[in-house]
Amino acid sequence: MKNQGRLAQNSDECEAKYIYIQDLPSKCNDDLLEKCDTLNKWLNMCEYLTNSGLGPRLNYSTSWYATNQFSLEVIFHNKMKQYRCLTNISSKASAVYVPFYAGLDVGRYLWDDDDIKIRDNASIQLVEYLKEKPEWIKMGGHDHFLVAGRVSWDFRRQTDSVSDWGNTLFNLLEVKNMTSLVIESSPWSNIDFAIPYSTYFHPSSDDEIYVWQEQMRQKHRPNLFSFVGAPRVQLRDSIRNEIINQCLGSKGKHCEFLKCDGIIKNCDEPKNVMRLFKRSVFCLQPPGDSYTRRSTFDSILGGCIPVFFHPASAYVQYLWHFPKNYTSYSVFIPMEDVNKGDFAIEKRLLEIPKEKVVAMREEVIKLIPKVIYANPSSKLERFEDAFDIAVKGVLSRIEGIRMDMLRGNNNNNSNFESFPEEYSWKYNFFGGLENLEWDSYFSRG
């Protein structure tokens, strides 16, 4: 794929911000889009990859799309093509973007017992290709980054058994030199960073955001709390059944439940989901198949205060996008509390002072620009969206690595040892959570 897009004209404006898009064989991206009907065993992805990855436009607004949660790498690539500090001179770049659609690639094999060589083939070929490029030699890949639009666990297969989940992309030594952006990171890894799931709202101007924020401030919210999701009967440690029971059994009729039924498909219609979030003060966000949920970002978009039950659902994930002071925008209820027979979520939420609720909602509404991806065909002037914040985070991290390498006086950058992945590095950033016993909490998963 050719390096296309906006090339920077003003060198002063783009100092230390230049990004070079690495040319890759079309099988790494464009060919996957052409074979869109093969990317997901359960869903034809073709319509969801239209409009630069935003999906089909919804008929009630020009800025709302039926965006699939796994199309982020396509959206990011199209936004990167419009990045204001692109350069076609790789030696001038502070970072190299690798537009490999890793999530679309691995998604083809996740539910089949395909030979592991088939699952790993594209990742291994990518690495072999990158290692031969002059851009790689400069820093041994430490200035390279990619976006894998799925959760980290899909790229961290632990064994070579065909029954084990995912591929081995993030286990490759060369990829450990890179920075990887995912929708859910490993709390114990320092190579992958979580960035927001895509929502349905992709504004084309700052004014659209201002208008939406004001609408969310003015919304009447008759529900104290709500839950959008499905039970997880097969997961022994899931608290979803208890959450659903408490919602349905709310004494004051304070909770509304939208069941995500595979037959009725209530949650496939964005209007249903957003209607409930806009009617609710608090939105419950328990773990599902993994720690995080796209629902978190949809609820923030609806001005609804998220309630988390595990630190890895948000607090050790979106380090660049969410405030470190987690109590300013969310409520945390430990999972073990929910499982206590006498614990009531409703009672806990009713105990929060009204002035605190108002302040938290305002923080949530302020977060809206930071968790949405503006339309790739446009450029926001006064807001930074999730893409802008992610790029700043990548550039900052790579600059830190570059300084570390210079201080180490390492003259053979191509063999520079991968920085160790230190247990607990992410959540050590967060004040206010010191009383949680992190090691045991994460071992419980």
Protein backbone atom coordinates (compact mmCIF):
# COMPACT_ATOMS: atom_id res chain seq x y z
CA MET A 1 0.00 0.00 0.00
CA LYS A 2 1.39 3.36 -1.01
CA ASN A 3 2.13 6.05 1.56
CA GLN A 4 -0.73 8.48 0.96
CA GLY A 5 -2.21 11.41 2.79
CA ARG A 6 -1.46 14.89 3.95
CA LEU A 7 2.25 15.73 3.99
CA ALA A 8 3.33 18.41 6.43
CA GLN A 9 4.36 21.78 5.01
CA ASN A 10 5.47 23.54 8.17
CA SER A 11 8.56 21.91 9.71
CA ASP A 12 8.37 23.99 12.91
CA GLU A 13 4.77 22.94 13.54
CA CYS A 14 5.66 19.26 13.15
CA GLU A 15 8.99 19.14 14.95
CA ALA A 16 9.22 15.75 16.76
CA LYS A 17 5.75 14.84 15.44
CA TYR A 18 6.55 13.51 11.98
CA ILE A 19 5.20 10.04 11.21
CA TYR A 20 6.10 7.87 8.26
CA ILE A 21 3.60 5.27 7.03
CA GLN A 22 5.48 2.10 6.20
CA ASP A 23 4.61 0.70 2.79
CA LEU A 24 3.33 -2.85 3.23
CA PRO A 25 2.27 -5.56 0.78
CA SER A 26 -1.45 -5.29 0.04
CA LYS A 27 -2.08 -8.67 1.70
CA CYS A 28 -1.48 -6.89 5.04
CA ASN A 29 -4.46 -4.55 4.61
CA ASP A 30 -6.25 -3.91 1.31
CA ASP A 31 -6.55 -7.59 0.39
CA LEU A 32 -8.22 -8.29 3.73
CA LEU A 33 -10.87 -5.66 2.96
CA GLU A 34 -11.50 -7.25 -0.43
CA LYS A 35 -12.10 -10.58 1.34
CA CYS A 36 -14.33 -8.96 3.94
CA ASP A 37 -16.89 -11.78 3.88
CA THR A 38 -14.26 -14.20 5.24
CA LEU A 39 -13.11 -12.13 8.22
CA ASN A 40 -15.62 -13.26 10.83
CA LYS A 41 -17.25 -16.66 11.20
CA TRP A 42 -20.42 -15.20 12.71
CA LEU A 43 -20.83 -11.91 10.86
CA ASN A 44 -20.31 -10.59 7.36
CA MET A 45 -18.00 -7.63 7.96
CA CYS A 46 -18.31 -6.11 4.49
CA GLU A 47 -20.88 -3.41 5.28
CA TYR A 48 -19.11 -2.55 8.54
CA LEU A 49 -15.86 -1.77 6.71
CA THR A 50 -17.43 0.79 4.39
CA ASN A 51 -17.03 4.55 4.88
CA SER A 52 -13.39 4.31 5.96
CA GLY A 53 -14.26 1.64 8.54
CA LEU A 54 -17.10 3.62 10.14
CA GLY A 55 -19.72 1.29 8.67
CA PRO A 56 -23.11 2.19 7.18
CA ARG A 57 -24.46 5.62 8.04
CA LEU A 58 -27.51 5.56 10.28
CA ASN A 59 -30.54 7.20 8.72
CA TYR A 60 -31.26 9.58 11.61
CA SER A 61 -27.99 11.57 11.57
CA THR A 62 -25.11 12.35 9.25
CA SER A 63 -22.50 11.73 11.97
CA TRP A 64 -23.82 8.43 13.36
CA TYR A 65 -22.76 5.09 11.93
CA ALA A 66 -23.34 1.40 12.70
CA THR A 67 -19.67 1.01 13.63
CA ASN A 68 -18.38 -2.45 14.48
CA GLN A 69 -16.21 -2.69 17.57
CA PHE A 70 -13.50 -4.58 15.66
CA SER A 71 -13.03 -2.11 12.78
CA LEU A 72 -10.74 0.25 14.70
CA GLU A 73 -7.53 -0.53 12.79
CA VAL A 74 -9.25 0.47 9.53
CA ILE A 75 -10.57 3.71 11.05
CA PHE A 76 -7.15 4.49 12.54
CA HIS A 77 -5.39 3.89 9.22
CA ASN A 78 -7.75 6.22 7.37
CA LYS A 79 -7.31 8.89 10.01
CA MET A 80 -3.53 8.46 9.84
CA LYS A 81 -3.66 9.18 6.11
CA GLN A 82 -4.97 12.64 7.04
CA TYR A 83 -2.51 13.21 9.91
CA ARG A 84 -1.10 16.71 9.56
CA CYS A 85 2.53 15.74 10.19
CA LEU A 86 3.00 12.90 7.72
CA THR A 87 6.31 12.70 5.94
CA ASN A 88 7.46 10.61 2.98
CA ILE A 89 11.07 10.90 4.18
CA SER A 90 11.47 8.11 6.70
CA SER A 91 14.74 9.46 8.16
CA LYS A 92 12.85 12.58 9.20
CA ALA A 93 10.14 10.68 11.09
CA SER A 94 9.89 10.38 14.86
CA ALA A 95 7.70 7.28 14.46
CA VAL A 96 6.86 4.70 11.83
CA TYR A 97 3.25 3.54 11.52
CA VAL A 98 2.78 -0.06 10.36
CA PRO A 99 -0.72 -0.38 8.79
CA PHE A 100 -1.15 -4.12 9.33
CA TYR A 101 -4.77 -5.11 10.01
CA ALA A 102 -3.79 -7.60 12.68
CA GLY A 103 -7.26 -7.93 14.19
CA LEU A 104 -8.98 -8.61 10.87
CA ASP A 105 -6.28 -11.15 10.08
CA VAL A 106 -6.55 -13.15 13.31
CA GLY A 107 -10.34 -12.87 13.42
CA ARG A 108 -10.55 -15.34 10.54
CA TYR A 109 -9.16 -18.15 12.68
CA LEU A 110 -10.26 -17.57 16.28
CA TRP A 111 -13.12 -20.08 16.33
CA ASP A 112 -11.55 -22.82 14.24
CA ASP A 113 -8.81 -25.29 15.09
CA ASP A 114 -6.67 -24.16 12.19
CA ASP A 115 -3.06 -25.18 12.06
CA ILE A 116 -1.06 -22.66 14.10
CA LYS A 117 1.19 -22.05 11.10
CA ILE A 118 -1.82 -20.67 9.25
CA ARG A 119 -2.77 -18.42 12.16
CA ASP A 120 0.78 -17.13 12.60
CA ASN A 121 1.73 -16.87 8.94
CA ALA A 122 0.80 -13.22 8.29
CA SER A 123 2.44 -12.02 11.52
CA ILE A 124 5.70 -13.84 10.81
CA GLN A 125 5.78 -12.60 7.22
CA LEU A 126 5.18 -9.05 8.43
CA VAL A 127 8.16 -9.20 10.78
CA GLU A 128 10.42 -10.67 8.09
CA TYR A 129 9.38 -7.88 5.74
CA LEU A 130 9.93 -5.10 8.30
CA LYS A 131 13.38 -6.36 9.32
CA GLU A 132 14.61 -5.90 5.76
CA LYS A 133 13.54 -2.27 5.55
CA PRO A 134 15.99 0.59 6.26
CA GLU A 135 13.43 2.14 8.65
CA TRP A 136 13.75 -0.86 10.97
CA ILE A 137 17.53 -0.69 11.22
CA LYS A 138 17.41 2.86 12.59
CA MET A 139 16.13 1.81 16.04
CA GLY A 140 15.57 -1.92 15.73
CA GLY A 141 11.83 -1.32 15.48
CA HIS A 142 11.51 0.65 18.73
CA ASP A 143 10.12 3.60 16.77
CA HIS A 144 7.49 1.45 15.00
CA PHE A 145 3.87 1.11 16.07
CA LEU A 146 0.78 -0.73 14.90
CA VAL A 147 -2.93 -0.85 15.74
CA ALA A 148 -4.49 -4.27 16.38
CA GLY A 149 -8.22 -3.72 16.72
CA ARG A 150 -8.93 -6.56 19.11
CA VAL A 151 -8.04 -7.42 22.72
CA SER A 152 -4.44 -8.22 23.61
CA TRP A 153 -5.25 -11.85 24.44
CA ASP A 154 -6.08 -12.58 20.78
CA PHE A 155 -2.39 -12.08 19.94
CA ARG A 156 -0.76 -13.89 22.88
CA ARG A 157 -1.27 -17.61 22.29
CA GLN A 158 0.45 -19.38 25.16
CA THR A 159 1.16 -22.77 23.56
CA ASP A 160 1.48 -24.35 20.14
CA SER A 161 -1.64 -26.43 20.65
CA VAL A 162 -4.25 -25.95 17.93
CA SER A 163 -6.89 -25.72 20.68
CA ASP A 164 -5.17 -22.70 22.28
CA TRP A 165 -6.63 -19.28 21.50
CA GLY A 166 -5.26 -16.69 19.09
CA ASN A 167 -2.01 -16.19 17.28
CA THR A 168 1.47 -15.32 18.51
CA LEU A 169 1.94 -11.79 17.12
CA PHE A 170 2.75 -10.16 20.47
CA ASN A 171 5.08 -12.99 21.44
CA LEU A 172 7.42 -12.31 18.51
CA LEU A 173 10.67 -10.71 19.71
CA GLU A 174 10.58 -8.07 16.99
CA VAL A 175 7.02 -7.03 17.83
CA LYS A 176 8.05 -6.68 21.48
CA ASN A 177 10.29 -3.85 20.28
CA MET A 178 7.28 -2.06 18.81
CA THR A 179 4.39 -0.19 20.41
CA SER A 180 1.04 -1.89 19.85
CA LEU A 181 -2.34 -0.21 20.31
CA VAL A 182 -5.27 -2.46 21.17
CA ILE A 183 -8.80 -2.06 22.52
CA GLU A 184 -7.76 -3.98 25.65
CA SER A 185 -4.17 -4.33 26.81
CA SER A 186 -2.49 -6.77 29.13
CA PRO A 187 -2.09 -5.11 32.56
CA TRP A 188 1.30 -6.82 32.86
CA SER A 189 2.73 -5.78 29.49
CA ASN A 190 4.66 -2.69 28.50
CA ILE A 191 4.38 -3.17 24.74
CA ASP A 192 0.63 -2.83 24.25
CA PHE A 193 -1.53 0.14 25.20
CA ALA A 194 -5.30 0.31 25.28
CA ILE A 195 -7.12 2.96 23.27
CA PRO A 196 -10.91 3.43 23.20
CA TYR A 197 -13.24 1.13 21.32
CA SER A 198 -15.00 2.92 18.48
CA THR A 199 -18.45 4.29 19.25
CA TYR A 200 -21.28 5.13 16.84
CA PHE A 201 -20.59 8.89 16.81
CA HIS A 202 -18.04 10.24 14.32
CA PRO A 203 -18.49 14.02 14.15
CA SER A 204 -17.11 16.15 11.37
CA SER A 205 -16.81 19.38 13.35
CA ASP A 206 -16.22 20.76 16.83
CA ASP A 207 -19.70 22.28 16.83
CA GLU A 208 -21.28 18.84 16.54
CA ILE A 209 -19.47 17.82 19.72
CA TYR A 210 -20.49 20.96 21.60
CA VAL A 211 -24.13 20.42 20.63
CA TRP A 212 -24.06 16.78 21.68
CA GLN A 213 -22.41 17.56 25.03
CA GLU A 214 -25.05 20.16 25.82
CA GLN A 215 -27.82 17.73 24.94
CA MET A 216 -26.34 15.20 27.37
CA ARG A 217 -26.24 17.83 30.12
CA GLN A 218 -29.91 18.56 29.64
CA LYS A 219 -31.17 14.97 29.39
CA HIS A 220 -33.81 13.78 31.84
CA ARG A 221 -32.54 10.54 33.41
CA PRO A 222 -35.34 8.58 35.08
CA ASN A 223 -33.18 5.47 35.64
CA LEU A 224 -30.78 5.46 38.57
CA PHE A 225 -28.81 2.72 36.83
CA SER A 226 -29.02 0.38 33.86
CA PHE A 227 -27.29 -2.59 32.28
CA VAL A 228 -26.92 -3.45 28.62
CA GLY A 229 -25.60 -6.94 28.05
CA ALA A 230 -26.10 -10.68 28.16
CA PRO A 231 -25.68 -13.24 30.94
CA ARG A 232 -22.45 -15.23 31.06
CA VAL A 233 -23.80 -18.54 32.31
CA GLN A 234 -20.75 -20.44 31.08
CA LEU A 235 -18.31 -18.24 33.04
CA ARG A 236 -18.12 -19.52 36.62
CA ASP A 237 -16.74 -16.28 38.11
CA SER A 238 -19.01 -13.90 36.19
CA ILE A 239 -21.09 -11.46 38.25
CA ARG A 240 -23.44 -10.69 35.38
CA ASN A 241 -26.24 -12.94 36.55
CA GLU A 242 -26.23 -11.26 39.97
CA ILE A 243 -26.16 -7.82 38.35
CA ILE A 244 -29.13 -8.70 36.13
CA ASN A 245 -31.04 -10.08 39.11
CA GLN A 246 -30.41 -6.93 41.13
CA CYS A 247 -31.43 -4.73 38.22
CA LEU A 248 -34.66 -6.61 37.61
CA GLY A 249 -35.37 -6.73 41.35
CA SER A 250 -34.79 -3.04 42.02
CA LYS A 251 -37.15 -2.10 44.84
CA GLY A 252 -37.63 1.43 43.63
CA LYS A 253 -37.87 0.44 39.95
CA HIS A 254 -34.59 2.31 39.58
CA CYS A 255 -32.95 0.03 37.01
CA GLU A 256 -33.59 -0.78 33.36
CA PHE A 257 -32.12 -3.84 31.64
CA LEU A 258 -31.55 -4.26 27.90
CA LYS A 259 -30.83 -7.90 27.17
CA CYS A 260 -28.43 -8.53 24.30
CA ASP A 261 -30.21 -11.52 22.81
CA GLY A 262 -28.65 -13.33 19.86
CA ILE A 263 -32.11 -14.07 18.48
CA ILE A 264 -33.95 -10.79 19.00
CA LYS A 265 -30.72 -8.77 18.54
CA ASN A 266 -31.85 -5.85 20.73
CA CYS A 267 -28.32 -4.52 21.03
CA ASP A 268 -27.53 -4.56 17.33
CA GLU A 269 -29.57 -1.39 16.89
CA PRO A 270 -27.50 1.60 18.11
CA LYS A 271 -30.66 3.59 18.80
CA ASN A 272 -31.79 1.06 21.44
CA VAL A 273 -28.45 1.12 23.22
CA MET A 274 -27.99 4.89 23.20
CA ARG A 275 -31.59 5.50 24.26
CA LEU A 276 -31.01 3.55 27.47
CA PHE A 277 -27.69 5.20 28.26
CA LYS A 278 -29.19 8.66 27.79
CA ARG A 279 -31.98 7.76 30.25
CA SER A 280 -29.62 6.53 33.00
CA VAL A 281 -27.51 8.18 35.69
CA PHE A 282 -25.19 5.18 36.15
CA CYS A 283 -24.33 2.40 33.69
CA LEU A 284 -23.02 -0.93 34.97
CA GLN A 285 -19.91 -2.21 33.19
CA PRO A 286 -18.97 -5.69 34.50
CA PRO A 287 -16.35 -7.80 32.71
CA GLY A 288 -17.64 -10.08 29.97
CA ASP A 289 -15.54 -12.38 27.82
CA SER A 290 -12.61 -10.12 28.74
CA TYR A 291 -12.02 -7.24 31.18
CA THR A 292 -13.19 -4.37 28.97
CA ARG A 293 -16.36 -3.52 27.05
CA ARG A 294 -17.26 -1.32 24.11
CA SER A 295 -20.34 -0.46 26.20
CA THR A 296 -18.14 1.67 28.47
CA PHE A 297 -17.51 4.14 25.67
CA ASP A 298 -21.06 4.11 24.40
CA SER A 299 -22.27 4.92 27.92
CA ILE A 300 -19.79 7.80 28.25
CA LEU A 301 -21.05 9.09 24.91
CA GLY A 302 -24.54 9.01 26.45
CA GLY A 303 -23.42 11.04 29.48
CA CYS A 304 -23.89 8.04 31.77
CA ILE A 305 -21.48 7.51 34.69
CA PRO A 306 -19.77 4.10 34.34
CA VAL A 307 -19.72 1.67 37.27
CA PHE A 308 -16.75 -0.72 37.15
CA PHE A 309 -16.24 -3.94 39.07
CA HIS A 310 -12.66 -4.77 38.12
CA PRO A 311 -9.64 -2.41 37.83
CA ALA A 312 -8.68 -3.89 34.45
CA SER A 313 -11.98 -2.76 32.93
CA ALA A 314 -10.69 0.82 32.73
CA TYR A 315 -8.22 2.03 35.36
CA VAL A 316 -5.16 0.10 34.14
CA GLN A 317 -6.21 0.27 30.51
CA TYR A 318 -6.84 3.69 28.99
CA LEU A 319 -3.91 5.52 30.57
CA TRP A 320 -3.77 8.22 27.90
CA HIS A 321 -7.52 8.85 27.65
CA PHE A 322 -9.00 8.57 31.16
CA PRO A 323 -8.20 10.73 34.22
CA LYS A 324 -5.93 9.15 36.81
CA ASN A 325 -8.41 10.20 39.48
CA TYR A 326 -10.89 7.43 38.73
CA THR A 327 -13.42 8.65 41.31
CA SER A 328 -13.93 11.86 39.34
CA TYR A 329 -15.78 10.11 36.51
CA SER A 330 -16.73 6.59 37.69
CA VAL A 331 -17.80 4.36 40.57
CA PHE A 332 -15.82 1.29 41.60
CA ILE A 333 -17.54 -1.66 43.28
CA PRO A 334 -15.30 -4.73 43.85
CA MET A 335 -16.70 -7.91 42.33
CA GLU A 336 -16.53 -9.73 45.64
CA ASP A 337 -18.93 -7.17 47.14
CA VAL A 338 -21.54 -7.90 44.48
CA ASN A 339 -21.41 -11.60 45.29
CA LYS A 340 -22.19 -10.96 48.94
CA GLY A 341 -25.77 -11.94 49.66
CA ASP A 342 -26.60 -8.72 51.48
CA PHE A 343 -24.94 -6.25 49.09
CA ALA A 344 -27.21 -4.04 46.98
CA ILE A 345 -25.87 -2.04 44.04
CA GLU A 346 -28.93 0.19 44.21
CA LYS A 347 -28.24 1.11 47.84
CA ARG A 348 -24.59 1.86 47.10
CA LEU A 349 -25.49 4.23 44.25
CA LEU A 350 -28.23 5.96 46.21
CA GLU A 351 -25.67 6.79 48.91
CA ILE A 352 -23.66 9.00 46.54
CA PRO A 353 -24.49 12.68 47.23
CA LYS A 354 -26.37 14.47 44.46
CA GLU A 355 -23.73 17.17 44.11
CA LYS A 356 -21.11 14.44 43.61
CA VAL A 357 -23.26 12.82 40.92
CA VAL A 358 -23.58 16.14 39.08
CA ALA A 359 -19.82 16.68 39.19
CA MET A 360 -19.12 13.13 37.96
CA ARG A 361 -21.56 13.49 35.08
CA GLU A 362 -19.85 16.70 34.01
CA GLU A 363 -16.49 14.89 33.98
CA VAL A 364 -18.02 12.13 31.86
CA ILE A 365 -19.41 14.66 29.39
CA LYS A 366 -15.99 16.33 29.19
CA LEU A 367 -14.54 12.92 28.29
CA ILE A 368 -16.74 12.54 25.21
CA PRO A 369 -14.30 14.12 22.70
CA LYS A 370 -11.46 11.97 24.06
CA VAL A 371 -13.26 8.67 23.47
CA ILE A 372 -14.66 9.22 19.97
CA TYR A 373 -12.98 8.99 16.58
CA ALA A 374 -13.92 11.94 14.41
CA ASN A 375 -14.77 11.28 10.79
CA PRO A 376 -11.48 10.58 8.92
CA SER A 377 -12.59 12.94 6.15
CA SER A 378 -12.63 15.90 8.55
CA LYS A 379 -10.38 17.61 11.07
CA LEU A 380 -11.36 18.91 14.49
CA GLU A 381 -9.87 22.29 15.37
CA ARG A 382 -10.55 22.77 19.08
CA PHE A 383 -10.88 19.20 20.35
CA GLU A 384 -8.47 16.30 20.43
CA ASP A 385 -10.22 13.03 19.70
CA ALA A 386 -9.18 9.49 20.69
CA PHE A 387 -6.89 9.24 17.64
CA ASP A 388 -5.06 12.50 18.43
CA ILE A 389 -4.47 11.45 22.04
CA ALA A 390 -3.24 8.01 21.01
CA VAL A 391 -0.75 9.47 18.53
CA LYS A 392 0.58 11.85 21.19
CA GLY A 393 0.98 8.91 23.57
CA VAL A 394 2.88 6.88 20.99
CA LEU A 395 5.22 9.77 20.11
CA SER A 396 5.92 10.44 23.79
CA ARG A 397 6.68 6.79 24.50
CA ILE A 398 9.00 6.45 21.49
CA GLU A 399 10.84 9.63 22.42
CA GLY A 400 11.39 8.22 25.92
CA ILE A 401 12.80 5.00 24.44
CA ARG A 402 15.02 7.00 22.10
CA MET A 403 16.45 8.96 25.04
CA ASP A 404 17.03 5.75 27.01
CA MET A 405 18.89 4.24 24.08
CA LEU A 406 21.06 7.33 23.71
CA ARG A 407 21.88 7.35 27.41
CA GLY A 408 22.85 3.70 27.15
CA ASN A 409 25.36 4.55 24.42
CA ASN A 410 24.17 1.52 22.45
CA ASN A 411 25.76 1.64 19.01
CA ASN A 412 23.95 -1.38 17.61
CA ASN A 413 20.36 -0.32 17.81
CA SER A 414 19.11 -3.21 15.69
CA ASN A 415 20.13 -5.58 18.47
CA PHE A 416 18.94 -3.37 21.31
CA GLU A 417 17.47 -5.64 23.97
CA SER A 418 13.68 -5.44 24.38
CA PHE A 419 12.69 -3.46 27.42
CA PRO A 420 11.51 -5.89 30.11
CA GLU A 421 7.82 -6.26 30.80
CA GLU A 422 7.62 -5.50 34.50
CA TYR A 423 4.71 -6.84 36.49
CA SER A 424 2.31 -4.12 37.69
CA TRP A 425 3.93 -1.24 35.82
CA LYS A 426 0.65 0.19 34.55
CA TYR A 427 -1.45 0.33 37.66
CA ASN A 428 1.38 1.72 39.77
CA PHE A 429 0.56 5.04 38.13
CA PHE A 430 -2.75 5.28 39.92
CA GLY A 431 -3.05 7.00 43.25
CA GLY A 432 -6.11 6.19 45.28
CA LEU A 433 -5.99 2.48 44.55
CA GLU A 434 -3.13 1.63 46.86
CA ASN A 435 -5.35 -0.24 49.30
CA LEU A 436 -6.32 -2.86 46.76
CA GLU A 437 -4.20 -5.98 46.85
CA TRP A 438 -3.35 -5.87 43.17
CA ASP A 439 -1.42 -9.12 42.86
CA SER A 440 -4.22 -11.22 44.29
CA TYR A 441 -6.90 -9.19 42.51
CA PHE A 442 -5.44 -9.88 39.09
CA SER A 443 -4.66 -13.50 39.87
CA ARG A 444 -8.40 -13.91 40.49
CA GLY A 445 -9.00 -12.45 37.02
